[in-house]
Amino acid sequence: MTLTRELVHDAHIHRLVVSTDATGWNVREEEDATVIRQSHHDDWHRVERAVQLFEHAAMALEEDGWVERRQHP
């Protein structure tokens, strides 16, 4: 399973990627091509917290004109 959320503004991207592996979940936050935060969790509640932090930052970005890029299957 992989969850990706992207916000875009002009040519810039702010992205959150949550993926699973055999030992838990990898959480990676990126700005353009730079990883600004990366962690591994074996507790789902910590993943939820990381997603909440991203959502809080995303709300501020959206107020500044960033829009969500919808992922197509």
C-alpha atoms as a PDB file:
ATOM      1  CA  MET A   1       0.000   0.000   0.000  1.00  0.00           C
ATOM      2  CA  THR A   2       1.199   3.481  -0.827  1.00  0.00           C
ATOM      3  CA  LEU A   3      -0.546   6.725   0.052  1.00  0.00           C
ATOM      4  CA  THR A   4       0.592   9.869  -1.725  1.00  0.00           C
ATOM      5  CA  ARG A   5      -0.697  13.398  -1.321  1.00  0.00           C
ATOM      6  CA  GLU A   6       0.694  16.233  -3.426  1.00  0.00           C
ATOM      7  CA  LEU A   7       0.148  19.962  -3.348  1.00  0.00           C
ATOM      8  CA  VAL A   8       1.365  22.085  -6.246  1.00  0.00           C
ATOM      9  CA  HIS A   9       1.974  25.778  -6.785  1.00  0.00           C
ATOM     10  CA  ASP A  10       3.531  27.035 -10.000  1.00  0.00           C
ATOM     11  CA  ALA A  11       6.336  24.529 -10.655  1.00  0.00           C
ATOM     12  CA  HIS A  12       6.730  23.513  -6.989  1.00  0.00           C
ATOM     13  CA  ILE A  13       5.514  20.324  -5.312  1.00  0.00           C
ATOM     14  CA  HIS A  14       5.014  19.478  -1.636  1.00  0.00           C
ATOM     15  CA  ARG A  15       4.444  15.734  -1.248  1.00  0.00           C
ATOM     16  CA  LEU A  16       3.726  13.182   1.500  1.00  0.00           C
ATOM     17  CA  VAL A  17       4.315   9.499   0.761  1.00  0.00           C
ATOM     18  CA  VAL A  18       3.379   6.708   3.174  1.00  0.00           C
ATOM     19  CA  SER A  19       4.397   3.184   2.135  1.00  0.00           C
ATOM     20  CA  THR A  20       4.563  -0.159   3.871  1.00  0.00           C
ATOM     21  CA  ASP A  21       7.293  -2.717   4.207  1.00  0.00           C
ATOM     22  CA  ALA A  22       7.727  -5.922   6.192  1.00  0.00           C
ATOM     23  CA  THR A  23       8.442  -4.062   9.434  1.00  0.00           C
ATOM     24  CA  GLY A  24       5.998  -1.142   9.338  1.00  0.00           C
ATOM     25  CA  TRP A  25       5.455   2.127   7.510  1.00  0.00           C
ATOM     26  CA  ASN A  26       7.807   4.570   5.831  1.00  0.00           C
ATOM     27  CA  VAL A  27       6.759   8.210   5.898  1.00  0.00           C
ATOM     28  CA  ARG A  28       8.512  10.682   3.595  1.00  0.00           C
ATOM     29  CA  GLU A  29       7.800  14.377   3.130  1.00  0.00           C
ATOM     30  CA  GLU A  30       9.318  16.151   0.138  1.00  0.00           C
ATOM     31  CA  GLU A  31       9.586  19.674  -1.217  1.00  0.00           C
ATOM     32  CA  ASP A  32      10.292  19.516  -4.931  1.00  0.00           C
ATOM     33  CA  ALA A  33      13.077  16.900  -5.228  1.00  0.00           C
ATOM     34  CA  THR A  34      14.338  17.341  -1.649  1.00  0.00           C
ATOM     35  CA  VAL A  35      13.370  14.979   1.174  1.00  0.00           C
ATOM     36  CA  ILE A  36      12.713  17.222   4.174  1.00  0.00           C
ATOM     37  CA  ARG A  37      11.497  14.542   6.580  1.00  0.00           C
ATOM     38  CA  GLN A  38      11.742  10.770   6.534  1.00  0.00           C
ATOM     39  CA  SER A  39      10.883   8.242   9.220  1.00  0.00           C
ATOM     40  CA  HIS A  40       9.979   4.609   9.776  1.00  0.00           C
ATOM     41  CA  HIS A  41       7.270   3.527  12.222  1.00  0.00           C
ATOM     42  CA  ASP A  42       6.083   0.187  13.519  1.00  0.00           C
ATOM     43  CA  ASP A  43       3.146   1.847  15.305  1.00  0.00           C
ATOM     44  CA  TRP A  44       0.212   3.041  13.160  1.00  0.00           C
ATOM     45  CA  HIS A  45      -0.579   5.835  15.633  1.00  0.00           C
ATOM     46  CA  ARG A  46       2.776   7.474  14.883  1.00  0.00           C
ATOM     47  CA  VAL A  47       1.960   7.309  11.169  1.00  0.00           C
ATOM     48  CA  GLU A  48      -1.376   8.981  11.884  1.00  0.00           C
ATOM     49  CA  ARG A  49       0.454  11.721  13.785  1.00  0.00           C
ATOM     50  CA  ALA A  50       2.869  12.302  10.881  1.00  0.00           C
ATOM     51  CA  VAL A  51      -0.084  12.550   8.481  1.00  0.00           C
ATOM     52  CA  GLN A  52      -1.831  15.015  10.823  1.00  0.00           C
ATOM     53  CA  LEU A  53       1.271  17.222  10.863  1.00  0.00           C
ATOM     54  CA  PHE A  54       1.367  17.167   7.068  1.00  0.00           C
ATOM     55  CA  GLU A  55      -2.349  17.995   6.889  1.00  0.00           C
ATOM     56  CA  HIS A  56      -1.816  20.980   9.173  1.00  0.00           C
ATOM     57  CA  ALA A  57       1.001  22.260   6.929  1.00  0.00           C
ATOM     58  CA  ALA A  58      -1.120  21.532   3.831  1.00  0.00           C
ATOM     59  CA  MET A  59      -3.934  23.737   5.142  1.00  0.00           C
ATOM     60  CA  ALA A  60      -1.521  26.653   5.427  1.00  0.00           C
ATOM     61  CA  LEU A  61      -0.161  25.991   1.925  1.00  0.00           C
ATOM     62  CA  GLU A  62      -3.690  25.877   0.488  1.00  0.00           C
ATOM     63  CA  GLU A  63      -4.417  29.248   2.093  1.00  0.00           C
ATOM     64  CA  ASP A  64      -1.372  30.524   0.173  1.00  0.00           C
ATOM     65  CA  GLY A  65      -2.742  29.273  -3.161  1.00  0.00           C
ATOM     66  CA  TRP A  66      -1.373  25.724  -3.348  1.00  0.00           C
ATOM     67  CA  VAL A  67      -3.789  23.132  -4.794  1.00  0.00           C
ATOM     68  CA  GLU A  68      -3.973  19.388  -4.399  1.00  0.00           C
ATOM     69  CA  ARG A  69      -2.901  17.316  -7.378  1.00  0.00           C
ATOM     70  CA  ARG A  70      -5.260  14.371  -7.640  1.00  0.00           C
ATOM     71  CA  GLN A  71      -3.661  10.957  -8.128  1.00  0.00           C
ATOM     72  CA  HIS A  72      -5.107   8.763 -10.874  1.00  0.00           C
ATOM     73  CA  PRO A  73      -4.984   4.960 -10.508  1.00  0.00           C
END
